[in-house]
Amino acid sequence: MFDVFNPNFAALLAADGVEREDTPRIMLPDGRSFRRAARVNRVRWVDQVSEIEIVYYLSNELGDETDRLAQAFDMRWFLPAELTHVLERSGFAVSSIYGAFDRSPLTDSSPEIVVISELIPFS
């Protein structure tokens, strides 16, 4: 069993490098707070890769932002048919695919692709 995120093609098409807050300000036990933003800098369609940057902003007890921590990385995305094909070529049989950990059906708007597979025994 494993999961990957279900690609949101509307968001990928709109990739413009603009930073967007995806986690509002959260208070920490020591009085500081943080918020998180993300940006898709580029989509490499042929490679099925999004060039992502996640940015954390830390604030002191007065609410003044004191630190900006950024992490840039490439994120490869997959489609269900591709996952099924790779698993079958590797000796696994896909028994179920879901759209979330609650076993809801996979739809275009599902947040995840949750795959349950079994190793095919050699005969």
N, C-alpha and C. Protein backbone atom coordinates (compact mmCIF):
# COMPACT_ATOMS: atom_id res chain seq x y z
N MET A 1 0.85 -1.17 0.00
CA MET A 1 0.00 0.00 0.00
C MET A 1 0.89 1.23 0.00
N PHE A 2 0.55 2.19 -0.83
CA PHE A 2 1.27 3.46 -0.86
C PHE A 2 0.34 4.52 -1.44
N ASP A 3 0.75 5.76 -1.29
CA ASP A 3 -0.04 6.84 -1.87
C ASP A 3 0.87 7.84 -2.57
N VAL A 4 0.30 8.49 -3.55
CA VAL A 4 0.92 9.64 -4.21
C VAL A 4 -0.19 10.70 -4.31
N PHE A 5 0.19 11.94 -4.54
CA PHE A 5 -0.86 12.94 -4.66
C PHE A 5 -1.49 12.83 -6.05
N ASN A 6 -2.76 13.13 -6.12
CA ASN A 6 -3.49 13.13 -7.39
C ASN A 6 -3.25 14.48 -8.05
N PRO A 7 -2.61 14.51 -9.21
CA PRO A 7 -2.27 15.82 -9.81
C PRO A 7 -3.51 16.66 -10.11
N ASN A 8 -3.41 17.92 -9.78
CA ASN A 8 -4.46 18.89 -10.07
C ASN A 8 -4.03 19.63 -11.33
N PHE A 9 -4.56 19.22 -12.47
CA PHE A 9 -4.11 19.77 -13.74
C PHE A 9 -4.47 21.24 -13.90
N ALA A 10 -5.58 21.67 -13.32
CA ALA A 10 -5.93 23.09 -13.39
C ALA A 10 -4.86 23.93 -12.70
N ALA A 11 -4.39 23.45 -11.53
CA ALA A 11 -3.33 24.18 -10.82
C ALA A 11 -2.01 24.12 -11.60
N LEU A 12 -1.73 22.98 -12.21
CA LEU A 12 -0.49 22.86 -13.00
C LEU A 12 -0.52 23.78 -14.21
N LEU A 13 -1.67 23.87 -14.87
CA LEU A 13 -1.79 24.76 -16.03
C LEU A 13 -1.64 26.22 -15.62
N ALA A 14 -2.06 26.54 -14.39
CA ALA A 14 -2.00 27.92 -13.91
C ALA A 14 -0.66 28.25 -13.25
N ALA A 15 0.30 27.33 -13.30
CA ALA A 15 1.60 27.56 -12.65
C ALA A 15 2.22 28.85 -13.18
N ASP A 16 2.42 29.81 -12.29
CA ASP A 16 2.93 31.11 -12.70
C ASP A 16 4.05 31.62 -11.80
N GLY A 17 4.51 30.78 -10.86
CA GLY A 17 5.59 31.20 -9.98
C GLY A 17 5.16 32.13 -8.86
N VAL A 18 3.87 32.38 -8.73
CA VAL A 18 3.38 33.28 -7.69
C VAL A 18 3.22 32.48 -6.39
N GLU A 19 3.71 33.05 -5.32
CA GLU A 19 3.61 32.41 -4.00
C GLU A 19 2.20 32.59 -3.46
N ARG A 20 1.61 31.45 -3.04
CA ARG A 20 0.27 31.48 -2.49
C ARG A 20 0.26 30.80 -1.12
N GLU A 21 -0.36 31.45 -0.15
CA GLU A 21 -0.44 30.87 1.19
C GLU A 21 -1.33 29.64 1.14
N ASP A 22 -0.83 28.53 1.69
CA ASP A 22 -1.65 27.32 1.72
C ASP A 22 -1.92 26.85 3.15
N THR A 23 -1.28 27.47 4.13
CA THR A 23 -1.55 27.19 5.54
C THR A 23 -1.59 28.53 6.26
N PRO A 24 -2.75 28.91 6.79
CA PRO A 24 -2.83 30.19 7.51
C PRO A 24 -1.99 30.15 8.78
N ARG A 25 -1.81 31.30 9.37
CA ARG A 25 -0.98 31.43 10.57
C ARG A 25 -1.42 30.46 11.66
N ILE A 26 -0.44 29.75 12.22
CA ILE A 26 -0.68 28.79 13.30
C ILE A 26 0.18 29.20 14.49
N MET A 27 -0.45 29.26 15.64
CA MET A 27 0.28 29.61 16.85
C MET A 27 1.07 28.41 17.37
N LEU A 28 2.30 28.66 17.82
CA LEU A 28 3.15 27.64 18.40
C LEU A 28 3.11 27.75 19.92
N PRO A 29 3.43 26.67 20.64
CA PRO A 29 3.34 26.70 22.11
C PRO A 29 4.20 27.79 22.76
N ASP A 30 5.30 28.20 22.11
CA ASP A 30 6.19 29.19 22.73
C ASP A 30 5.79 30.64 22.42
N GLY A 31 4.61 30.84 21.80
CA GLY A 31 4.14 32.20 21.52
C GLY A 31 4.45 32.67 20.11
N ARG A 32 5.38 31.99 19.45
CA ARG A 32 5.65 32.35 18.06
C ARG A 32 4.57 31.76 17.17
N SER A 33 4.60 32.10 15.89
CA SER A 33 3.65 31.53 14.94
C SER A 33 4.36 31.29 13.62
N PHE A 34 3.71 30.50 12.79
CA PHE A 34 4.24 30.31 11.45
C PHE A 34 3.09 30.22 10.47
N ARG A 35 3.40 30.48 9.21
CA ARG A 35 2.47 30.26 8.12
C ARG A 35 3.27 29.67 6.97
N ARG A 36 2.57 29.00 6.05
CA ARG A 36 3.26 28.34 4.96
C ARG A 36 2.67 28.79 3.64
N ALA A 37 3.54 28.94 2.66
CA ALA A 37 3.11 29.30 1.31
C ALA A 37 3.81 28.35 0.34
N ALA A 38 3.28 28.29 -0.86
CA ALA A 38 3.88 27.43 -1.88
C ALA A 38 3.78 28.12 -3.23
N ARG A 39 4.67 27.72 -4.10
CA ARG A 39 4.61 28.22 -5.47
C ARG A 39 5.06 27.10 -6.41
N VAL A 40 4.44 27.07 -7.57
CA VAL A 40 4.88 26.19 -8.64
C VAL A 40 5.62 27.08 -9.64
N ASN A 41 6.93 26.92 -9.66
CA ASN A 41 7.74 27.78 -10.51
C ASN A 41 7.70 27.38 -11.98
N ARG A 42 7.57 26.08 -12.24
CA ARG A 42 7.60 25.61 -13.62
C ARG A 42 7.04 24.19 -13.64
N VAL A 43 6.39 23.84 -14.73
CA VAL A 43 5.94 22.47 -14.96
C VAL A 43 6.67 21.95 -16.18
N ARG A 44 7.33 20.81 -16.00
CA ARG A 44 7.99 20.14 -17.12
C ARG A 44 7.08 18.98 -17.53
N TRP A 45 6.21 19.25 -18.48
CA TRP A 45 5.16 18.31 -18.87
C TRP A 45 5.72 16.98 -19.36
N VAL A 46 6.75 17.03 -20.18
CA VAL A 46 7.32 15.79 -20.74
C VAL A 46 7.85 14.89 -19.64
N ASP A 47 8.42 15.48 -18.60
CA ASP A 47 8.97 14.71 -17.48
C ASP A 47 7.93 14.40 -16.40
N GLN A 48 6.74 15.01 -16.49
CA GLN A 48 5.71 14.92 -15.45
C GLN A 48 6.28 15.39 -14.11
N VAL A 49 6.91 16.55 -14.12
CA VAL A 49 7.57 17.11 -12.94
C VAL A 49 7.14 18.56 -12.75
N SER A 50 6.83 18.90 -11.51
CA SER A 50 6.57 20.29 -11.13
C SER A 50 7.74 20.77 -10.29
N GLU A 51 8.26 21.95 -10.60
CA GLU A 51 9.32 22.56 -9.80
C GLU A 51 8.62 23.41 -8.74
N ILE A 52 8.72 22.96 -7.50
CA ILE A 52 7.95 23.50 -6.38
C ILE A 52 8.87 24.22 -5.40
N GLU A 53 8.32 25.20 -4.72
CA GLU A 53 9.01 25.83 -3.59
C GLU A 53 8.00 25.98 -2.46
N ILE A 54 8.36 25.44 -1.30
CA ILE A 54 7.55 25.59 -0.09
C ILE A 54 8.29 26.59 0.80
N VAL A 55 7.56 27.58 1.32
CA VAL A 55 8.17 28.64 2.12
C VAL A 55 7.45 28.73 3.46
N TYR A 56 8.24 28.71 4.53
CA TYR A 56 7.71 28.86 5.89
C TYR A 56 8.13 30.23 6.41
N TYR A 57 7.17 30.95 6.98
CA TYR A 57 7.44 32.24 7.59
C TYR A 57 7.22 32.10 9.09
N LEU A 58 8.24 32.41 9.87
CA LEU A 58 8.15 32.37 11.33
C LEU A 58 8.00 33.80 11.85
N SER A 59 7.17 33.95 12.88
CA SER A 59 6.96 35.26 13.49
C SER A 59 7.25 35.17 14.98
N ASN A 60 7.71 36.30 15.55
CA ASN A 60 7.96 36.34 17.00
C ASN A 60 6.64 36.53 17.74
N GLU A 61 6.72 36.67 19.05
CA GLU A 61 5.54 36.80 19.88
C GLU A 61 4.70 38.04 19.55
N LEU A 62 5.34 39.05 18.94
CA LEU A 62 4.63 40.28 18.57
C LEU A 62 3.98 40.18 17.19
N GLY A 63 4.23 39.08 16.49
CA GLY A 63 3.66 38.91 15.16
C GLY A 63 4.56 39.39 14.03
N ASP A 64 5.77 39.88 14.39
CA ASP A 64 6.71 40.34 13.36
C ASP A 64 7.38 39.13 12.71
N GLU A 65 7.33 39.05 11.38
CA GLU A 65 7.99 37.94 10.70
C GLU A 65 9.50 38.07 10.86
N THR A 66 10.11 37.01 11.36
CA THR A 66 11.53 37.06 11.67
C THR A 66 12.37 36.14 10.77
N ASP A 67 11.78 35.08 10.27
CA ASP A 67 12.53 34.13 9.46
C ASP A 67 11.70 33.68 8.27
N ARG A 68 12.41 33.46 7.17
CA ARG A 68 11.80 32.88 5.96
C ARG A 68 12.65 31.67 5.59
N LEU A 69 12.04 30.50 5.63
CA LEU A 69 12.74 29.27 5.30
C LEU A 69 12.10 28.69 4.05
N ALA A 70 12.92 28.47 3.01
CA ALA A 70 12.39 27.98 1.74
C ALA A 70 13.04 26.66 1.37
N GLN A 71 12.24 25.79 0.79
CA GLN A 71 12.74 24.52 0.30
C GLN A 71 12.23 24.34 -1.12
N ALA A 72 13.16 24.23 -2.06
CA ALA A 72 12.81 24.01 -3.46
C ALA A 72 13.07 22.56 -3.82
N PHE A 73 12.18 21.98 -4.59
CA PHE A 73 12.35 20.58 -4.99
C PHE A 73 11.52 20.30 -6.24
N ASP A 74 11.89 19.23 -6.93
CA ASP A 74 11.12 18.75 -8.06
C ASP A 74 10.16 17.68 -7.57
N MET A 75 8.90 17.77 -7.99
CA MET A 75 7.90 16.79 -7.57
C MET A 75 7.35 16.08 -8.81
N ARG A 76 7.62 14.78 -8.88
CA ARG A 76 7.13 13.96 -10.00
C ARG A 76 5.71 13.56 -9.69
N TRP A 77 4.84 13.62 -10.68
CA TRP A 77 3.46 13.19 -10.48
C TRP A 77 3.14 12.03 -11.40
N PHE A 78 2.17 11.22 -10.93
CA PHE A 78 1.81 9.98 -11.61
C PHE A 78 0.31 9.94 -11.88
N LEU A 79 -0.07 9.12 -12.84
CA LEU A 79 -1.47 8.86 -13.13
C LEU A 79 -1.77 7.41 -12.78
N PRO A 80 -3.02 7.09 -12.46
CA PRO A 80 -3.35 5.73 -12.05
C PRO A 80 -2.94 4.66 -13.06
N ALA A 81 -3.14 4.90 -14.33
CA ALA A 81 -2.79 3.89 -15.34
C ALA A 81 -1.29 3.63 -15.34
N GLU A 82 -0.51 4.67 -15.14
CA GLU A 82 0.95 4.52 -15.08
C GLU A 82 1.36 3.70 -13.85
N LEU A 83 0.76 3.97 -12.72
CA LEU A 83 1.07 3.22 -11.50
C LEU A 83 0.72 1.74 -11.67
N THR A 84 -0.45 1.47 -12.23
CA THR A 84 -0.87 0.08 -12.46
C THR A 84 0.11 -0.62 -13.39
N HIS A 85 0.50 0.03 -14.46
CA HIS A 85 1.43 -0.56 -15.42
C HIS A 85 2.78 -0.88 -14.78
N VAL A 86 3.34 0.06 -14.05
CA VAL A 86 4.65 -0.14 -13.42
C VAL A 86 4.58 -1.27 -12.40
N LEU A 87 3.53 -1.31 -11.61
CA LEU A 87 3.39 -2.38 -10.62
C LEU A 87 3.26 -3.75 -11.29
N GLU A 88 2.44 -3.84 -12.33
CA GLU A 88 2.28 -5.12 -13.02
C GLU A 88 3.58 -5.57 -13.66
N ARG A 89 4.34 -4.65 -14.21
CA ARG A 89 5.65 -4.99 -14.80
C ARG A 89 6.65 -5.42 -13.74
N SER A 90 6.39 -5.04 -12.49
CA SER A 90 7.28 -5.38 -11.38
C SER A 90 6.81 -6.60 -10.60
N GLY A 91 5.78 -7.27 -11.10
CA GLY A 91 5.33 -8.50 -10.44
C GLY A 91 4.25 -8.31 -9.40
N PHE A 92 3.56 -7.18 -9.41
CA PHE A 92 2.48 -6.93 -8.46
C PHE A 92 1.15 -6.86 -9.19
N ALA A 93 0.10 -7.19 -8.48
CA ALA A 93 -1.26 -7.02 -8.99
C ALA A 93 -1.94 -5.94 -8.16
N VAL A 94 -2.54 -4.97 -8.81
CA VAL A 94 -3.27 -3.91 -8.10
C VAL A 94 -4.63 -4.46 -7.71
N SER A 95 -4.91 -4.46 -6.42
CA SER A 95 -6.21 -4.96 -5.95
C SER A 95 -7.22 -3.83 -5.76
N SER A 96 -6.75 -2.62 -5.42
CA SER A 96 -7.66 -1.49 -5.21
C SER A 96 -6.91 -0.18 -5.43
N ILE A 97 -7.67 0.81 -5.90
CA ILE A 97 -7.16 2.18 -5.99
C ILE A 97 -8.26 3.08 -5.42
N TYR A 98 -7.86 3.95 -4.49
CA TYR A 98 -8.79 4.87 -3.84
C TYR A 98 -8.33 6.31 -4.03
N GLY A 99 -9.24 7.24 -3.68
CA GLY A 99 -8.95 8.65 -3.80
C GLY A 99 -8.52 9.31 -2.50
N ALA A 100 -8.53 8.54 -1.41
CA ALA A 100 -8.11 9.05 -0.10
C ALA A 100 -7.99 7.85 0.84
N PHE A 101 -7.45 8.09 2.03
CA PHE A 101 -7.25 7.01 2.99
C PHE A 101 -8.55 6.49 3.59
N ASP A 102 -9.65 7.19 3.39
CA ASP A 102 -10.94 6.70 3.86
C ASP A 102 -11.58 5.73 2.87
N ARG A 103 -10.84 5.34 1.86
CA ARG A 103 -11.26 4.40 0.82
C ARG A 103 -12.37 4.95 -0.07
N SER A 104 -12.43 6.27 -0.19
CA SER A 104 -13.39 6.86 -1.11
C SER A 104 -12.91 6.64 -2.54
N PRO A 105 -13.84 6.64 -3.50
CA PRO A 105 -13.45 6.38 -4.89
C PRO A 105 -12.49 7.44 -5.42
N LEU A 106 -11.64 7.04 -6.33
CA LEU A 106 -10.73 7.98 -7.00
C LEU A 106 -11.51 8.77 -8.03
N THR A 107 -11.49 10.09 -7.90
CA THR A 107 -12.14 10.99 -8.85
C THR A 107 -11.13 12.06 -9.25
N ASP A 108 -11.51 12.88 -10.22
CA ASP A 108 -10.62 13.96 -10.65
C ASP A 108 -10.23 14.89 -9.50
N SER A 109 -11.12 15.05 -8.53
CA SER A 109 -10.86 15.99 -7.43
C SER A 109 -10.31 15.31 -6.17
N SER A 110 -10.05 14.01 -6.23
CA SER A 110 -9.49 13.32 -5.07
C SER A 110 -8.13 13.89 -4.72
N PRO A 111 -7.81 14.00 -3.42
CA PRO A 111 -6.51 14.55 -3.03
C PRO A 111 -5.36 13.57 -3.24
N GLU A 112 -5.64 12.28 -3.16
CA GLU A 112 -4.59 11.26 -3.21
C GLU A 112 -4.94 10.20 -4.23
N ILE A 113 -3.94 9.41 -4.57
CA ILE A 113 -4.14 8.14 -5.25
C ILE A 113 -3.55 7.10 -4.31
N VAL A 114 -4.42 6.33 -3.67
CA VAL A 114 -4.00 5.31 -2.71
C VAL A 114 -4.08 3.97 -3.43
N VAL A 115 -2.94 3.28 -3.51
CA VAL A 115 -2.85 2.03 -4.26
C VAL A 115 -2.60 0.88 -3.29
N ILE A 116 -3.41 -0.16 -3.42
CA ILE A 116 -3.20 -1.39 -2.66
C ILE A 116 -2.87 -2.48 -3.68
N SER A 117 -1.72 -3.11 -3.49
CA SER A 117 -1.28 -4.12 -4.45
C SER A 117 -0.70 -5.31 -3.71
N GLU A 118 -0.61 -6.42 -4.41
CA GLU A 118 -0.08 -7.65 -3.84
C GLU A 118 0.96 -8.23 -4.79
N LEU A 119 1.99 -8.82 -4.21
CA LEU A 119 3.01 -9.50 -4.99
C LEU A 119 2.41 -10.75 -5.60
N ILE A 120 2.59 -10.91 -6.90
CA ILE A 120 2.10 -12.10 -7.58
C ILE A 120 3.12 -13.22 -7.33
N PRO A 121 2.68 -14.34 -6.73
CA PRO A 121 3.64 -15.42 -6.46
C PRO A 121 4.14 -16.05 -7.76
N PHE A 122 5.41 -16.42 -7.76
CA PHE A 122 5.97 -17.10 -8.93
C PHE A 122 5.45 -18.52 -8.95
N SER A 123 5.11 -19.02 -10.15
CA SER A 123 4.67 -20.40 -10.21
C SER A 123 5.75 -21.32 -10.71
